N, C-alpha and C. Protein backbone atom coordinates (compact mmCIF):
# COMPACT_ATOMS: atom_id res chain seq x y z
N MET A 1 0.88 -1.19 0.02
CA MET A 1 -0.02 0.03 0.07
C MET A 1 0.91 1.24 0.05
N PRO A 2 0.66 2.18 -0.90
CA PRO A 2 1.48 3.39 -1.02
C PRO A 2 1.21 4.30 0.24
N ALA A 3 2.23 5.11 0.59
CA ALA A 3 1.96 6.10 1.56
C ALA A 3 0.97 7.13 1.12
N PRO A 4 0.31 7.82 2.08
CA PRO A 4 -0.63 8.85 1.75
C PRO A 4 0.01 9.93 0.78
N GLY A 5 -0.63 10.26 -0.33
CA GLY A 5 -0.13 11.26 -1.23
C GLY A 5 0.82 10.65 -2.27
N GLY A 6 1.05 9.38 -2.26
CA GLY A 6 1.90 8.75 -3.14
C GLY A 6 1.07 7.84 -4.10
N THR A 7 1.76 7.14 -4.92
CA THR A 7 1.05 6.13 -5.81
C THR A 7 1.82 4.81 -5.64
N LEU A 8 1.36 3.77 -6.18
CA LEU A 8 1.91 2.46 -6.08
C LEU A 8 3.35 2.44 -6.57
N PHE A 9 3.59 3.19 -7.70
CA PHE A 9 4.97 3.16 -8.29
C PHE A 9 5.84 4.31 -7.84
N ALA A 10 5.24 5.39 -7.24
CA ALA A 10 5.98 6.50 -6.76
C ALA A 10 5.44 6.88 -5.35
N PRO A 11 5.85 6.21 -4.36
CA PRO A 11 5.37 6.59 -3.00
C PRO A 11 5.74 7.99 -2.56
N ALA A 12 4.89 8.54 -1.73
CA ALA A 12 5.18 9.87 -1.16
C ALA A 12 6.44 9.87 -0.30
N LEU A 13 7.16 10.88 -0.50
CA LEU A 13 8.39 11.00 0.43
C LEU A 13 8.15 11.95 1.49
N SER A 14 8.71 11.67 2.60
CA SER A 14 8.59 12.68 3.72
C SER A 14 9.90 13.46 3.82
N VAL A 15 9.90 14.49 4.64
CA VAL A 15 11.08 15.30 4.83
C VAL A 15 12.28 14.49 5.30
N HIS A 16 12.00 13.43 6.01
CA HIS A 16 13.00 12.54 6.58
C HIS A 16 13.67 11.63 5.46
N ASP A 17 12.97 11.47 4.35
CA ASP A 17 13.43 10.52 3.39
C ASP A 17 14.46 11.21 2.47
N VAL A 18 14.48 12.49 2.34
CA VAL A 18 15.37 13.18 1.44
C VAL A 18 16.10 14.27 2.16
N THR A 19 17.42 14.38 1.98
CA THR A 19 18.16 15.47 2.52
C THR A 19 18.89 15.97 1.30
N PRO A 20 18.29 16.96 0.62
CA PRO A 20 18.85 17.49 -0.63
C PRO A 20 20.14 18.31 -0.37
N GLY A 21 21.11 18.13 -1.27
CA GLY A 21 22.34 18.95 -1.18
C GLY A 21 22.02 20.21 -1.94
N ASP A 22 23.08 21.04 -2.16
CA ASP A 22 22.95 22.36 -2.74
C ASP A 22 22.36 22.27 -4.14
N PRO A 23 22.87 21.39 -5.01
CA PRO A 23 22.29 21.36 -6.39
C PRO A 23 20.76 20.93 -6.41
N GLU A 24 20.54 19.94 -5.53
CA GLU A 24 19.08 19.49 -5.47
C GLU A 24 18.21 20.67 -4.89
N ARG A 25 18.75 21.32 -3.90
CA ARG A 25 17.93 22.39 -3.29
C ARG A 25 17.66 23.50 -4.32
N ARG A 26 18.61 23.72 -5.18
CA ARG A 26 18.41 24.86 -6.21
C ARG A 26 17.42 24.40 -7.15
N ILE A 27 17.48 23.12 -7.51
CA ILE A 27 16.39 22.60 -8.49
C ILE A 27 15.03 22.62 -7.81
N LEU A 28 14.92 22.21 -6.55
CA LEU A 28 13.63 22.23 -5.95
C LEU A 28 13.18 23.69 -5.75
N ASP A 29 14.04 24.57 -5.54
CA ASP A 29 13.58 26.00 -5.36
C ASP A 29 13.09 26.55 -6.68
N ALA A 30 13.85 26.12 -7.79
CA ALA A 30 13.44 26.58 -9.12
C ALA A 30 12.10 26.01 -9.58
N VAL A 31 11.91 24.73 -9.21
CA VAL A 31 10.60 24.05 -9.52
C VAL A 31 9.44 24.71 -8.78
N SER A 32 9.78 24.97 -7.51
CA SER A 32 8.76 25.62 -6.64
C SER A 32 8.39 26.98 -7.14
N SER A 33 9.42 27.86 -7.56
CA SER A 33 9.15 29.09 -8.07
C SER A 33 8.32 29.06 -9.47
N LEU A 34 8.65 28.07 -10.25
CA LEU A 34 7.98 27.83 -11.53
C LEU A 34 6.49 27.48 -11.26
N ALA A 35 6.28 26.66 -10.21
CA ALA A 35 4.87 26.26 -9.83
C ALA A 35 4.11 27.46 -9.42
N ARG A 36 4.72 28.29 -8.62
CA ARG A 36 4.03 29.57 -8.10
C ARG A 36 3.71 30.46 -9.35
N SER A 37 4.64 30.56 -10.25
CA SER A 37 4.48 31.46 -11.45
C SER A 37 3.26 30.90 -12.31
N LEU A 38 3.33 29.63 -12.51
CA LEU A 38 2.27 28.99 -13.32
C LEU A 38 0.88 29.15 -12.69
N GLN A 39 0.82 28.99 -11.38
CA GLN A 39 -0.41 29.23 -10.58
C GLN A 39 -0.92 30.61 -10.74
N ALA A 40 -0.02 31.62 -10.65
CA ALA A 40 -0.35 32.98 -10.82
C ALA A 40 -0.88 33.30 -12.27
N GLU A 41 -0.24 32.69 -13.24
CA GLU A 41 -0.62 32.96 -14.58
C GLU A 41 -1.96 32.23 -14.83
N ARG A 42 -2.16 31.04 -14.25
CA ARG A 42 -3.52 30.42 -14.42
C ARG A 42 -4.61 31.30 -13.81
N GLU A 43 -4.39 31.85 -12.62
CA GLU A 43 -5.36 32.74 -12.00
C GLU A 43 -5.65 33.97 -12.79
N ARG A 44 -4.53 34.51 -13.47
CA ARG A 44 -4.72 35.71 -14.26
C ARG A 44 -5.54 35.42 -15.52
N LEU A 45 -5.23 34.26 -16.15
CA LEU A 45 -6.01 33.88 -17.31
C LEU A 45 -7.45 33.44 -16.95
N ALA A 46 -7.71 32.86 -15.85
CA ALA A 46 -9.10 32.64 -15.45
C ALA A 46 -9.89 33.94 -15.15
N ARG A 47 -9.21 34.94 -14.57
CA ARG A 47 -9.88 36.20 -14.39
C ARG A 47 -10.25 36.85 -15.80
N ARG A 48 -9.27 36.83 -16.72
CA ARG A 48 -9.48 37.40 -18.00
C ARG A 48 -10.56 36.58 -18.75
N LEU A 49 -10.65 35.22 -18.58
CA LEU A 49 -11.70 34.57 -19.21
C LEU A 49 -13.03 34.89 -18.68
N ARG A 50 -13.15 35.19 -17.44
CA ARG A 50 -14.33 35.60 -16.83
C ARG A 50 -14.78 36.95 -17.36
N GLU A 51 -13.81 37.88 -17.53
CA GLU A 51 -14.12 39.23 -18.06
C GLU A 51 -14.62 39.07 -19.53
N LEU A 52 -13.99 38.24 -20.31
CA LEU A 52 -14.45 38.02 -21.70
C LEU A 52 -15.82 37.44 -21.80
N GLU A 53 -16.12 36.42 -20.82
CA GLU A 53 -17.44 35.81 -20.81
C GLU A 53 -18.48 36.90 -20.49
N ASP A 54 -18.16 37.75 -19.55
CA ASP A 54 -19.11 38.85 -19.18
C ASP A 54 -19.38 39.81 -20.36
N GLU A 55 -18.26 40.12 -21.08
CA GLU A 55 -18.41 40.93 -22.30
C GLU A 55 -19.27 40.24 -23.35
N LEU A 56 -19.08 38.99 -23.56
CA LEU A 56 -19.89 38.16 -24.48
C LEU A 56 -21.39 38.23 -24.02
N ASP A 57 -21.71 38.01 -22.71
CA ASP A 57 -23.02 38.06 -22.24
C ASP A 57 -23.64 39.49 -22.61
N VAL A 58 -22.94 40.52 -22.35
CA VAL A 58 -23.44 41.86 -22.61
C VAL A 58 -23.78 42.00 -24.12
N LEU A 59 -22.83 41.57 -24.98
CA LEU A 59 -23.04 41.63 -26.44
C LEU A 59 -24.28 40.78 -26.89
N ALA A 60 -24.35 39.62 -26.26
CA ALA A 60 -25.48 38.67 -26.65
C ALA A 60 -26.77 39.30 -26.21
N SER A 61 -26.80 39.97 -25.05
CA SER A 61 -28.05 40.51 -24.56
C SER A 61 -28.44 41.74 -25.51
N ARG A 62 -27.46 42.50 -25.95
CA ARG A 62 -27.70 43.59 -26.85
C ARG A 62 -28.29 42.99 -28.19
N LEU A 63 -27.72 41.93 -28.67
CA LEU A 63 -28.13 41.41 -29.89
C LEU A 63 -29.52 40.82 -29.78
N ASP A 64 -29.89 40.25 -28.65
CA ASP A 64 -31.23 39.70 -28.43
C ASP A 64 -32.20 40.79 -28.20
N GLY A 65 -31.79 41.95 -27.63
CA GLY A 65 -32.71 42.90 -27.27
C GLY A 65 -33.14 43.81 -28.51
N GLU A 66 -32.31 44.06 -29.41
CA GLU A 66 -32.56 44.89 -30.62
C GLU A 66 -32.36 44.05 -31.84
N PRO A 67 -33.34 43.93 -32.74
CA PRO A 67 -33.14 43.29 -33.93
C PRO A 67 -32.03 43.99 -34.75
N ALA A 68 -31.20 43.16 -35.36
CA ALA A 68 -30.14 43.66 -36.19
C ALA A 68 -30.68 44.12 -37.54
N LEU A 69 -30.28 45.22 -37.96
CA LEU A 69 -30.74 45.72 -39.26
C LEU A 69 -29.66 45.32 -40.28
N ILE A 70 -29.98 44.49 -41.19
CA ILE A 70 -29.07 44.06 -42.19
C ILE A 70 -29.54 44.53 -43.53
N ALA A 71 -28.82 45.37 -44.22
CA ALA A 71 -29.15 45.80 -45.52
C ALA A 71 -28.20 45.23 -46.54
N PRO A 72 -28.63 44.75 -47.59
CA PRO A 72 -27.72 44.18 -48.63
C PRO A 72 -26.83 45.34 -49.22
N ALA A 73 -25.66 44.96 -49.62
CA ALA A 73 -24.76 45.94 -50.18
C ALA A 73 -25.28 46.29 -51.53
N PRO A 74 -25.17 47.57 -51.97
CA PRO A 74 -25.67 47.97 -53.28
C PRO A 74 -24.80 47.21 -54.36
N LEU A 75 -25.48 46.91 -55.47
CA LEU A 75 -24.85 46.27 -56.56
C LEU A 75 -23.96 47.30 -57.26
N PRO A 76 -22.79 46.84 -57.72
CA PRO A 76 -21.89 47.78 -58.40
C PRO A 76 -22.53 48.09 -59.78
N ARG A 77 -22.31 49.30 -60.23
CA ARG A 77 -22.88 49.66 -61.59
C ARG A 77 -21.82 49.42 -62.60
N SER A 78 -22.27 48.97 -63.70
CA SER A 78 -21.32 48.64 -64.80
C SER A 78 -21.17 49.82 -65.72
């Protein structure tokens, strides 16, 4: 049975299982920083998506509220 948070093939490690040296620590710090950056970008994109969805709702309600007046383009004269 895997440890909590792990899988059958990749069991979870605890703080006591790993004592990273300097190179490993730098890699872990870089990965952690990247994960924070990706999370912040995901949140920014989610906010922007909500803004765009709101704008689309406004445009759709305008389109539903007033009939669109579509006039054919005049034919070119020869």
